[in-house]
Amino acid sequence: MILDQMLNLLKIVYREDLSPAYALDFDEEGNAYIGMGSFMAKLDKEGNEISWRKTSYDNWMILYIKGYIFVAANEMTGMYFRQSLYVLDKHLRDIFRMTT
């Protein structure tokens, strides 16, 4: 959902092929970075899709800092789930990965 400053509904962004969003953060231009299970999306401030990608991990938390997107994730490694930290650029491309 996109709301105005008075919390009035402006637009609903919805895709049937996605699970609910678990993680969300915004950059200085108002673009939204959204994590939905094993998918990520970047939307502009009007809710239009800019980029989209499937990930090999479940996105649980997203934090945008100075041009970088930090993603806390659960990732299947062998037979176990591991906690991972991914760093992405503003185009949702992987830069760095660390797994516990």
PDB file of N, CA and C in Angstrom:
ATOM      1  N   MET A   1       0.832  -1.168   0.000  1.00  0.00           N
ATOM      2  CA  MET A   1       0.000   0.000   0.000  1.00  0.00           C
ATOM      3  C   MET A   1       0.882   1.238   0.000  1.00  0.00           C
ATOM      4  N   ILE A   2       0.456   2.233  -0.699  1.00  0.00           N
ATOM      5  CA  ILE A   2       1.126   3.525  -0.683  1.00  0.00           C
ATOM      6  C   ILE A   2       0.155   4.522  -0.069  1.00  0.00           C
ATOM      7  N   LEU A   3       0.623   5.202   0.974  1.00  0.00           N
ATOM      8  CA  LEU A   3      -0.198   6.155   1.709  1.00  0.00           C
ATOM      9  C   LEU A   3       0.401   7.547   1.573  1.00  0.00           C
ATOM     10  N   ASP A   4      -0.455   8.571   1.700  1.00  0.00           N
ATOM     11  CA  ASP A   4       0.066   9.931   1.731  1.00  0.00           C
ATOM     12  C   ASP A   4       0.435  10.289   3.169  1.00  0.00           C
ATOM     13  N   GLN A   5       0.831  11.535   3.389  1.00  0.00           N
ATOM     14  CA  GLN A   5       1.270  11.949   4.729  1.00  0.00           C
ATOM     15  C   GLN A   5       0.146  11.930   5.764  1.00  0.00           C
ATOM     16  N   MET A   6      -1.091  11.953   5.307  1.00  0.00           N
ATOM     17  CA  MET A   6      -2.239  11.882   6.216  1.00  0.00           C
ATOM     18  C   MET A   6      -2.760  10.444   6.342  1.00  0.00           C
ATOM     19  N   LEU A   7      -2.003   9.486   5.799  1.00  0.00           N
ATOM     20  CA  LEU A   7      -2.311   8.065   5.835  1.00  0.00           C
ATOM     21  C   LEU A   7      -3.540   7.686   5.008  1.00  0.00           C
ATOM     22  N   ASN A   8      -3.834   8.493   4.001  1.00  0.00           N
ATOM     23  CA  ASN A   8      -4.894   8.150   3.051  1.00  0.00           C
ATOM     24  C   ASN A   8      -4.317   7.205   2.011  1.00  0.00           C
ATOM     25  N   LEU A   9      -5.087   6.196   1.653  1.00  0.00           N
ATOM     26  CA  LEU A   9      -4.636   5.211   0.678  1.00  0.00           C
ATOM     27  C   LEU A   9      -4.542   5.842  -0.710  1.00  0.00           C
ATOM     28  N   LEU A  10      -3.354   5.733  -1.330  1.00  0.00           N
ATOM     29  CA  LEU A  10      -3.151   6.236  -2.684  1.00  0.00           C
ATOM     30  C   LEU A  10      -3.157   5.111  -3.711  1.00  0.00           C
ATOM     31  N   LYS A  11      -2.527   3.981  -3.354  1.00  0.00           N
ATOM     32  CA  LYS A  11      -2.391   2.896  -4.320  1.00  0.00           C
ATOM     33  C   LYS A  11      -2.083   1.599  -3.587  1.00  0.00           C
ATOM     34  N   ILE A  12      -2.570   0.490  -4.137  1.00  0.00           N
ATOM     35  CA  ILE A  12      -2.216  -0.837  -3.640  1.00  0.00           C
ATOM     36  C   ILE A  12      -1.361  -1.512  -4.709  1.00  0.00           C
ATOM     37  N   VAL A  13      -0.199  -1.973  -4.313  1.00  0.00           N
ATOM     38  CA  VAL A  13       0.706  -2.696  -5.215  1.00  0.00           C
ATOM     39  C   VAL A  13       0.566  -4.167  -4.881  1.00  0.00           C
ATOM     40  N   TYR A  14       0.205  -4.981  -5.872  1.00  0.00           N
ATOM     41  CA  TYR A  14      -0.104  -6.384  -5.607  1.00  0.00           C
ATOM     42  C   TYR A  14       0.289  -7.242  -6.793  1.00  0.00           C
ATOM     43  N   ARG A  15       0.839  -8.401  -6.493  1.00  0.00           N
ATOM     44  CA  ARG A  15       1.112  -9.418  -7.510  1.00  0.00           C
ATOM     45  C   ARG A  15       0.661 -10.754  -6.960  1.00  0.00           C
ATOM     46  N   GLU A  16      -0.098 -11.502  -7.739  1.00  0.00           N
ATOM     47  CA  GLU A  16      -0.615 -12.791  -7.281  1.00  0.00           C
ATOM     48  C   GLU A  16       0.466 -13.831  -7.069  1.00  0.00           C
ATOM     49  N   ASP A  17       1.578 -13.726  -7.797  1.00  0.00           N
ATOM     50  CA  ASP A  17       2.623 -14.746  -7.719  1.00  0.00           C
ATOM     51  C   ASP A  17       3.605 -14.524  -6.571  1.00  0.00           C
ATOM     52  N   LEU A  18       3.311 -13.603  -5.661  1.00  0.00           N
ATOM     53  CA  LEU A  18       4.236 -13.299  -4.572  1.00  0.00           C
ATOM     54  C   LEU A  18       3.629 -13.579  -3.212  1.00  0.00           C
ATOM     55  N   SER A  19       4.524 -13.883  -2.275  1.00  0.00           N
ATOM     56  CA  SER A  19       4.107 -13.996  -0.887  1.00  0.00           C
ATOM     57  C   SER A  19       4.094 -12.581  -0.288  1.00  0.00           C
ATOM     58  N   PRO A  20       3.553 -12.425   0.920  1.00  0.00           N
ATOM     59  CA  PRO A  20       3.554 -11.099   1.548  1.00  0.00           C
ATOM     60  C   PRO A  20       4.976 -10.589   1.766  1.00  0.00           C
ATOM     61  N   ALA A  21       5.121  -9.294   1.811  1.00  0.00           N
ATOM     62  CA  ALA A  21       6.431  -8.677   2.043  1.00  0.00           C
ATOM     63  C   ALA A  21       6.832  -8.849   3.502  1.00  0.00           C
ATOM     64  N   TYR A  22       8.069  -9.259   3.715  1.00  0.00           N
ATOM     65  CA  TYR A  22       8.615  -9.402   5.058  1.00  0.00           C
ATOM     66  C   TYR A  22       9.554  -8.271   5.414  1.00  0.00           C
ATOM     67  N   ALA A  23      10.156  -7.651   4.405  1.00  0.00           N
ATOM     68  CA  ALA A  23      11.187  -6.660   4.655  1.00  0.00           C
ATOM     69  C   ALA A  23      10.977  -5.470   3.727  1.00  0.00           C
ATOM     70  N   LEU A  24      11.250  -4.270   4.256  1.00  0.00           N
ATOM     71  CA  LEU A  24      11.023  -3.063   3.479  1.00  0.00           C
ATOM     72  C   LEU A  24      11.927  -1.948   3.982  1.00  0.00           C
ATOM     73  N   ASP A  25      12.524  -1.219   3.051  1.00  0.00           N
ATOM     74  CA  ASP A  25      13.246   0.003   3.396  1.00  0.00           C
ATOM     75  C   ASP A  25      13.228   0.919   2.184  1.00  0.00           C
ATOM     76  N   PHE A  26      13.566   2.188   2.399  1.00  0.00           N
ATOM     77  CA  PHE A  26      13.505   3.207   1.355  1.00  0.00           C
ATOM     78  C   PHE A  26      14.846   3.910   1.214  1.00  0.00           C
ATOM     79  N   ASP A  27      15.149   4.349  -0.022  1.00  0.00           N
ATOM     80  CA  ASP A  27      16.349   5.155  -0.230  1.00  0.00           C
ATOM     81  C   ASP A  27      15.988   6.641  -0.194  1.00  0.00           C
ATOM     82  N   GLU A  28      16.987   7.494  -0.397  1.00  0.00           N
ATOM     83  CA  GLU A  28      16.787   8.937  -0.305  1.00  0.00           C
ATOM     84  C   GLU A  28      15.899   9.495  -1.425  1.00  0.00           C
ATOM     85  N   GLU A  29      15.677   8.728  -2.474  1.00  0.00           N
ATOM     86  CA  GLU A  29      14.822   9.171  -3.582  1.00  0.00           C
ATOM     87  C   GLU A  29      13.379   8.684  -3.431  1.00  0.00           C
ATOM     88  N   GLY A  30      13.100   7.915  -2.380  1.00  0.00           N
ATOM     89  CA  GLY A  30      11.756   7.400  -2.154  1.00  0.00           C
ATOM     90  C   GLY A  30      11.510   6.038  -2.775  1.00  0.00           C
ATOM     91  N   ASN A  31      12.543   5.434  -3.386  1.00  0.00           N
ATOM     92  CA  ASN A  31      12.392   4.085  -3.932  1.00  0.00           C
ATOM     93  C   ASN A  31      12.296   3.092  -2.781  1.00  0.00           C
ATOM     94  N   ALA A  32      11.467   2.074  -2.958  1.00  0.00           N
ATOM     95  CA  ALA A  32      11.280   1.044  -1.938  1.00  0.00           C
ATOM     96  C   ALA A  32      12.026  -0.218  -2.341  1.00  0.00           C
ATOM     97  N   TYR A  33      12.686  -0.851  -1.387  1.00  0.00           N
ATOM     98  CA  TYR A  33      13.340  -2.149  -1.555  1.00  0.00           C
ATOM     99  C   TYR A  33      12.548  -3.129  -0.706  1.00  0.00           C
ATOM    100  N   ILE A  34      11.979  -4.144  -1.354  1.00  0.00           N
ATOM    101  CA  ILE A  34      11.037  -5.033  -0.692  1.00  0.00           C
ATOM    102  C   ILE A  34      11.518  -6.473  -0.795  1.00  0.00           C
ATOM    103  N   GLY A  35      11.494  -7.197   0.325  1.00  0.00           N
ATOM    104  CA  GLY A  35      11.820  -8.614   0.352  1.00  0.00           C
ATOM    105  C   GLY A  35      10.562  -9.421   0.607  1.00  0.00           C
ATOM    106  N   MET A  36      10.286 -10.374  -0.276  1.00  0.00           N
ATOM    107  CA  MET A  36       9.092 -11.212  -0.179  1.00  0.00           C
ATOM    108  C   MET A  36       9.521 -12.656  -0.330  1.00  0.00           C
ATOM    109  N   GLY A  37       9.767 -13.348   0.769  1.00  0.00           N
ATOM    110  CA  GLY A  37      10.228 -14.730   0.666  1.00  0.00           C
ATOM    111  C   GLY A  37      11.528 -14.778  -0.108  1.00  0.00           C
ATOM    112  N   SER A  38      11.548 -15.480  -1.231  1.00  0.00           N
ATOM    113  CA  SER A  38      12.780 -15.587  -2.021  1.00  0.00           C
ATOM    114  C   SER A  38      12.724 -14.688  -3.263  1.00  0.00           C
ATOM    115  N   PHE A  39      12.069 -13.545  -3.145  1.00  0.00           N
ATOM    116  CA  PHE A  39      12.020 -12.547  -4.209  1.00  0.00           C
ATOM    117  C   PHE A  39      12.356 -11.184  -3.633  1.00  0.00           C
ATOM    118  N   MET A  40      12.944 -10.329  -4.455  1.00  0.00           N
ATOM    119  CA  MET A  40      13.193  -8.943  -4.085  1.00  0.00           C
ATOM    120  C   MET A  40      12.707  -8.048  -5.206  1.00  0.00           C
ATOM    121  N   ALA A  41      12.250  -6.868  -4.825  1.00  0.00           N
ATOM    122  CA  ALA A  41      11.801  -5.898  -5.825  1.00  0.00           C
ATOM    123  C   ALA A  41      12.239  -4.510  -5.409  1.00  0.00           C
ATOM    124  N   LYS A  42      12.439  -3.668  -6.405  1.00  0.00           N
ATOM    125  CA  LYS A  42      12.676  -2.251  -6.191  1.00  0.00           C
ATOM    126  C   LYS A  42      11.548  -1.516  -6.910  1.00  0.00           C
ATOM    127  N   LEU A  43      10.829  -0.673  -6.157  1.00  0.00           N
ATOM    128  CA  LEU A  43       9.719   0.104  -6.698  1.00  0.00           C
ATOM    129  C   LEU A  43      10.022   1.580  -6.544  1.00  0.00           C
ATOM    130  N   ASP A  44       9.553   2.392  -7.497  1.00  0.00           N
ATOM    131  CA  ASP A  44       9.706   3.830  -7.333  1.00  0.00           C
ATOM    132  C   ASP A  44       8.646   4.336  -6.358  1.00  0.00           C
ATOM    133  N   LYS A  45       8.672   5.628  -6.039  1.00  0.00           N
ATOM    134  CA  LYS A  45       7.766   6.143  -5.013  1.00  0.00           C
ATOM    135  C   LYS A  45       6.301   6.149  -5.437  1.00  0.00           C
ATOM    136  N   GLU A  46       6.037   5.926  -6.733  1.00  0.00           N
ATOM    137  CA  GLU A  46       4.660   5.781  -7.189  1.00  0.00           C
ATOM    138  C   GLU A  46       4.209   4.320  -7.190  1.00  0.00           C
ATOM    139  N   GLY A  47       5.097   3.403  -6.844  1.00  0.00           N
ATOM    140  CA  GLY A  47       4.753   1.988  -6.794  1.00  0.00           C
ATOM    141  C   GLY A  47       5.005   1.235  -8.077  1.00  0.00           C
ATOM    142  N   ASN A  48       5.698   1.860  -9.026  1.00  0.00           N
ATOM    143  CA  ASN A  48       6.034   1.195 -10.285  1.00  0.00           C
ATOM    144  C   ASN A  48       7.299   0.358 -10.113  1.00  0.00           C
ATOM    145  N   GLU A  49       7.281  -0.832 -10.678  1.00  0.00           N
ATOM    146  CA  GLU A  49       8.412  -1.746 -10.550  1.00  0.00           C
ATOM    147  C   GLU A  49       9.610  -1.253 -11.359  1.00  0.00           C
ATOM    148  N   ILE A  50      10.758  -1.148 -10.702  1.00  0.00           N
ATOM    149  CA  ILE A  50      12.016  -0.765 -11.355  1.00  0.00           C
ATOM    150  C   ILE A  50      12.850  -2.000 -11.634  1.00  0.00           C
ATOM    151  N   SER A  51      13.059  -2.830 -10.618  1.00  0.00           N
ATOM    152  CA  SER A  51      13.806  -4.072 -10.775  1.00  0.00           C
ATOM    153  C   SER A  51      13.148  -5.172  -9.971  1.00  0.00           C
ATOM    154  N   TRP A  52      13.542  -6.375 -10.336  1.00  0.00           N
ATOM    155  CA  TRP A  52      12.917  -7.553  -9.765  1.00  0.00           C
ATOM    156  C   TRP A  52      13.896  -8.708  -9.859  1.00  0.00           C
ATOM    157  N   ARG A  53      13.982  -9.547  -8.854  1.00  0.00           N
ATOM    158  CA  ARG A  53      14.826 -10.736  -8.948  1.00  0.00           C
ATOM    159  C   ARG A  53      14.395 -11.811  -7.973  1.00  0.00           C
ATOM    160  N   LYS A  54      14.658 -13.047  -8.363  1.00  0.00           N
ATOM    161  CA  LYS A  54      14.478 -14.193  -7.479  1.00  0.00           C
ATOM    162  C   LYS A  54      15.806 -14.391  -6.759  1.00  0.00           C
ATOM    163  N   THR A  55      15.737 -14.752  -5.489  1.00  0.00           N
ATOM    164  CA  THR A  55      16.952 -14.988  -4.716  1.00  0.00           C
ATOM    165  C   THR A  55      17.010 -16.447  -4.283  1.00  0.00           C
ATOM    166  N   SER A  56      18.193 -16.898  -3.925  1.00  0.00           N
ATOM    167  CA  SER A  56      18.367 -18.272  -3.441  1.00  0.00           C
ATOM    168  C   SER A  56      18.158 -18.349  -1.927  1.00  0.00           C
ATOM    169  N   TYR A  57      17.737 -17.267  -1.335  1.00  0.00           N
ATOM    170  CA  TYR A  57      17.570 -17.180   0.114  1.00  0.00           C
ATOM    171  C   TYR A  57      16.255 -16.473   0.429  1.00  0.00           C
ATOM    172  N   ASP A  58      15.793 -16.636   1.674  1.00  0.00           N
ATOM    173  CA  ASP A  58      14.602 -15.944   2.149  1.00  0.00           C
ATOM    174  C   ASP A  58      15.022 -14.621   2.778  1.00  0.00           C
ATOM    175  N   ASN A  59      14.446 -13.538   2.298  1.00  0.00           N
ATOM    176  CA  ASN A  59      14.752 -12.188   2.776  1.00  0.00           C
ATOM    177  C   ASN A  59      13.958 -11.900   4.043  1.00  0.00           C
ATOM    178  N   TRP A  60      14.637 -11.612   5.145  1.00  0.00           N
ATOM    179  CA  TRP A  60      13.936 -11.353   6.400  1.00  0.00           C
ATOM    180  C   TRP A  60      14.041  -9.908   6.852  1.00  0.00           C
ATOM    181  N   MET A  61      15.107  -9.248   6.492  1.00  0.00           N
ATOM    182  CA  MET A  61      15.266  -7.857   6.897  1.00  0.00           C
ATOM    183  C   MET A  61      16.083  -7.136   5.834  1.00  0.00           C
ATOM    184  N   ILE A  62      15.694  -5.913   5.513  1.00  0.00           N
ATOM    185  CA  ILE A  62      16.413  -5.101   4.539  1.00  0.00           C
ATOM    186  C   ILE A  62      16.716  -3.754   5.178  1.00  0.00           C
ATOM    187  N   LEU A  63      17.946  -3.295   4.969  1.00  0.00           N
ATOM    188  CA  LEU A  63      18.359  -1.992   5.468  1.00  0.00           C
ATOM    189  C   LEU A  63      19.124  -1.284   4.362  1.00  0.00           C
ATOM    190  N   TYR A  64      18.673  -0.098   3.970  1.00  0.00           N
ATOM    191  CA  TYR A  64      19.344   0.697   2.948  1.00  0.00           C
ATOM    192  C   TYR A  64      20.235   1.725   3.640  1.00  0.00           C
ATOM    193  N   ILE A  65      21.538   1.742   3.275  1.00  0.00           N
ATOM    194  CA  ILE A  65      22.477   2.725   3.822  1.00  0.00           C
ATOM    195  C   ILE A  65      23.396   3.191   2.707  1.00  0.00           C
ATOM    196  N   LYS A  66      23.327   4.484   2.372  1.00  0.00           N
ATOM    197  CA  LYS A  66      24.256   5.150   1.451  1.00  0.00           C
ATOM    198  C   LYS A  66      24.533   4.369   0.169  1.00  0.00           C
ATOM    199  N   GLY A  67      23.493   3.943  -0.510  1.00  0.00           N
ATOM    200  CA  GLY A  67      23.652   3.276  -1.794  1.00  0.00           C
ATOM    201  C   GLY A  67      23.778   1.768  -1.741  1.00  0.00           C
ATOM    202  N   TYR A  68      23.757   1.198  -0.558  1.00  0.00           N
ATOM    203  CA  TYR A  68      23.875  -0.244  -0.408  1.00  0.00           C
ATOM    204  C   TYR A  68      22.649  -0.798   0.302  1.00  0.00           C
ATOM    205  N   ILE A  69      22.245  -1.994  -0.091  1.00  0.00           N
ATOM    206  CA  ILE A  69      21.132  -2.681   0.540  1.00  0.00           C
ATOM    207  C   ILE A  69      21.696  -3.873   1.304  1.00  0.00           C
ATOM    208  N   PHE A  70      21.458  -3.904   2.605  1.00  0.00           N
ATOM    209  CA  PHE A  70      21.892  -4.995   3.458  1.00  0.00           C
ATOM    210  C   PHE A  70      20.692  -5.898   3.695  1.00  0.00           C
ATOM    211  N   VAL A  71      20.865  -7.183   3.417  1.00  0.00           N
ATOM    212  CA  VAL A  71      19.768  -8.136   3.525  1.00  0.00           C
ATOM    213  C   VAL A  71      20.147  -9.229   4.516  1.00  0.00           C
ATOM    214  N   ALA A  72      19.366  -9.344   5.587  1.00  0.00           N
ATOM    215  CA  ALA A  72      19.512 -10.466   6.508  1.00  0.00           C
ATOM    216  C   ALA A  72      18.626 -11.577   5.971  1.00  0.00           C
ATOM    217  N   ALA A  73      19.200 -12.777   5.850  1.00  0.00           N
ATOM    218  CA  ALA A  73      18.497 -13.855   5.162  1.00  0.00           C
ATOM    219  C   ALA A  73      18.708 -15.196   5.845  1.00  0.00           C
ATOM    220  N   ASN A  74      17.802 -16.119   5.563  1.00  0.00           N
ATOM    221  CA  ASN A  74      17.966 -17.535   5.889  1.00  0.00           C
ATOM    222  C   ASN A  74      18.283 -18.248   4.592  1.00  0.00           C
ATOM    223  N   GLU A  75      19.292 -19.090   4.629  1.00  0.00           N
ATOM    224  CA  GLU A  75      19.741 -19.764   3.412  1.00  0.00           C
ATOM    225  C   GLU A  75      20.005 -21.231   3.716  1.00  0.00           C
ATOM    226  N   MET A  76      19.512 -22.115   2.871  1.00  0.00           N
ATOM    227  CA  MET A  76      19.756 -23.547   3.041  1.00  0.00           C
ATOM    228  C   MET A  76      21.172 -23.865   2.567  1.00  0.00           C
ATOM    229  N   THR A  77      21.991 -24.384   3.472  1.00  0.00           N
ATOM    230  CA  THR A  77      23.353 -24.788   3.153  1.00  0.00           C
ATOM    231  C   THR A  77      23.482 -26.250   3.551  1.00  0.00           C
ATOM    232  N   GLY A  78      23.585 -27.125   2.566  1.00  0.00           N
ATOM    233  CA  GLY A  78      23.580 -28.548   2.873  1.00  0.00           C
ATOM    234  C   GLY A  78      22.220 -28.935   3.405  1.00  0.00           C
ATOM    235  N   MET A  79      22.198 -29.452   4.632  1.00  0.00           N
ATOM    236  CA  MET A  79      20.930 -29.865   5.247  1.00  0.00           C
ATOM    237  C   MET A  79      20.459 -28.875   6.309  1.00  0.00           C
ATOM    238  N   TYR A  80      21.117 -27.729   6.439  1.00  0.00           N
ATOM    239  CA  TYR A  80      20.817 -26.792   7.522  1.00  0.00           C
ATOM    240  C   TYR A  80      20.507 -25.402   6.984  1.00  0.00           C
ATOM    241  N   PHE A  81      19.652 -24.691   7.716  1.00  0.00           N
ATOM    242  CA  PHE A  81      19.441 -23.281   7.436  1.00  0.00           C
ATOM    243  C   PHE A  81      20.538 -22.498   8.134  1.00  0.00           C
ATOM    244  N   ARG A  82      21.112 -21.552   7.439  1.00  0.00           N
ATOM    245  CA  ARG A  82      22.147 -20.683   7.981  1.00  0.00           C
ATOM    246  C   ARG A  82      21.684 -19.242   7.859  1.00  0.00           C
ATOM    247  N   GLN A  83      22.106 -18.410   8.803  1.00  0.00           N
ATOM    248  CA  GLN A  83      21.841 -16.991   8.708  1.00  0.00           C
ATOM    249  C   GLN A  83      22.925 -16.373   7.826  1.00  0.00           C
ATOM    250  N   SER A  84      22.495 -15.523   6.910  1.00  0.00           N
ATOM    251  CA  SER A  84      23.420 -14.907   5.972  1.00  0.00           C
ATOM    252  C   SER A  84      23.184 -13.412   5.923  1.00  0.00           C
ATOM    253  N   LEU A  85      24.223 -12.693   5.572  1.00  0.00           N
ATOM    254  CA  LEU A  85      24.126 -11.263   5.318  1.00  0.00           C
ATOM    255  C   LEU A  85      24.558 -11.039   3.885  1.00  0.00           C
ATOM    256  N   TYR A  86      23.703 -10.419   3.109  1.00  0.00           N
ATOM    257  CA  TYR A  86      24.012 -10.060   1.731  1.00  0.00           C
ATOM    258  C   TYR A  86      24.092  -8.556   1.629  1.00  0.00           C
ATOM    259  N   VAL A  87      25.015  -8.076   0.818  1.00  0.00           N
ATOM    260  CA  VAL A  87      25.090  -6.656   0.487  1.00  0.00           C
ATOM    261  C   VAL A  87      24.857  -6.550  -1.014  1.00  0.00           C
ATOM    262  N   LEU A  88      23.890  -5.704  -1.396  1.00  0.00           N
ATOM    263  CA  LEU A  88      23.520  -5.517  -2.791  1.00  0.00           C
ATOM    264  C   LEU A  88      23.713  -4.054  -3.172  1.00  0.00           C
ATOM    265  N   ASP A  89      23.846  -3.798  -4.466  1.00  0.00           N
ATOM    266  CA  ASP A  89      23.846  -2.416  -4.920  1.00  0.00           C
ATOM    267  C   ASP A  89      22.406  -1.976  -5.183  1.00  0.00           C
ATOM    268  N   LYS A  90      22.225  -0.737  -5.638  1.00  0.00           N
ATOM    269  CA  LYS A  90      20.882  -0.194  -5.845  1.00  0.00           C
ATOM    270  C   LYS A  90      20.125  -0.861  -6.993  1.00  0.00           C
ATOM    271  N   HIS A  91      20.832  -1.691  -7.777  1.00  0.00           N
ATOM    272  CA  HIS A  91      20.197  -2.418  -8.876  1.00  0.00           C
ATOM    273  C   HIS A  91      19.922  -3.872  -8.498  1.00  0.00           C
ATOM    274  N   LEU A  92      20.022  -4.174  -7.191  1.00  0.00           N
ATOM    275  CA  LEU A  92      19.772  -5.506  -6.622  1.00  0.00           C
ATOM    276  C   LEU A  92      20.795  -6.542  -7.067  1.00  0.00           C
ATOM    277  N   ARG A  93      21.999  -6.097  -7.375  1.00  0.00           N
ATOM    278  CA  ARG A  93      23.086  -7.021  -7.741  1.00  0.00           C
ATOM    279  C   ARG A  93      23.917  -7.320  -6.502  1.00  0.00           C
ATOM    280  N   ASP A  94      24.292  -8.606  -6.335  1.00  0.00           N
ATOM    281  CA  ASP A  94      25.102  -9.039  -5.189  1.00  0.00           C
ATOM    282  C   ASP A  94      26.474  -8.406  -5.240  1.00  0.00           C
ATOM    283  N   ILE A  95      26.925  -7.906  -4.067  1.00  0.00           N
ATOM    284  CA  ILE A  95      28.276  -7.378  -3.910  1.00  0.00           C
ATOM    285  C   ILE A  95      29.064  -8.247  -2.938  1.00  0.00           C
ATOM    286  N   PHE A  96      28.411  -8.676  -1.859  1.00  0.00           N
ATOM    287  CA  PHE A  96      29.103  -9.400  -0.796  1.00  0.00           C
ATOM    288  C   PHE A  96      28.129 -10.339  -0.108  1.00  0.00           C
ATOM    289  N   ARG A  97      28.666 -11.460   0.410  1.00  0.00           N
ATOM    290  CA  ARG A  97      27.853 -12.418   1.154  1.00  0.00           C
ATOM    291  C   ARG A  97      28.672 -12.983   2.303  1.00  0.00           C
ATOM    292  N   MET A  98      28.047 -13.103   3.469  1.00  0.00           N
ATOM    293  CA  MET A  98      28.684 -13.728   4.613  1.00  0.00           C
ATOM    294  C   MET A  98      27.659 -14.648   5.259  1.00  0.00           C
ATOM    295  N   THR A  99      28.041 -15.886   5.532  1.00  0.00           N
ATOM    296  CA  THR A  99      27.142 -16.872   6.143  1.00  0.00           C
ATOM    297  C   THR A  99      27.749 -17.356   7.446  1.00  0.00           C
ATOM    298  N   THR A 100      26.893 -17.546   8.458  1.00  0.00           N
ATOM    299  CA  THR A 100      27.376 -18.034   9.755  1.00  0.00           C
ATOM    300  C   THR A 100      27.583 -19.530   9.698  1.00  0.00           C
TER     301      THR A 100
END
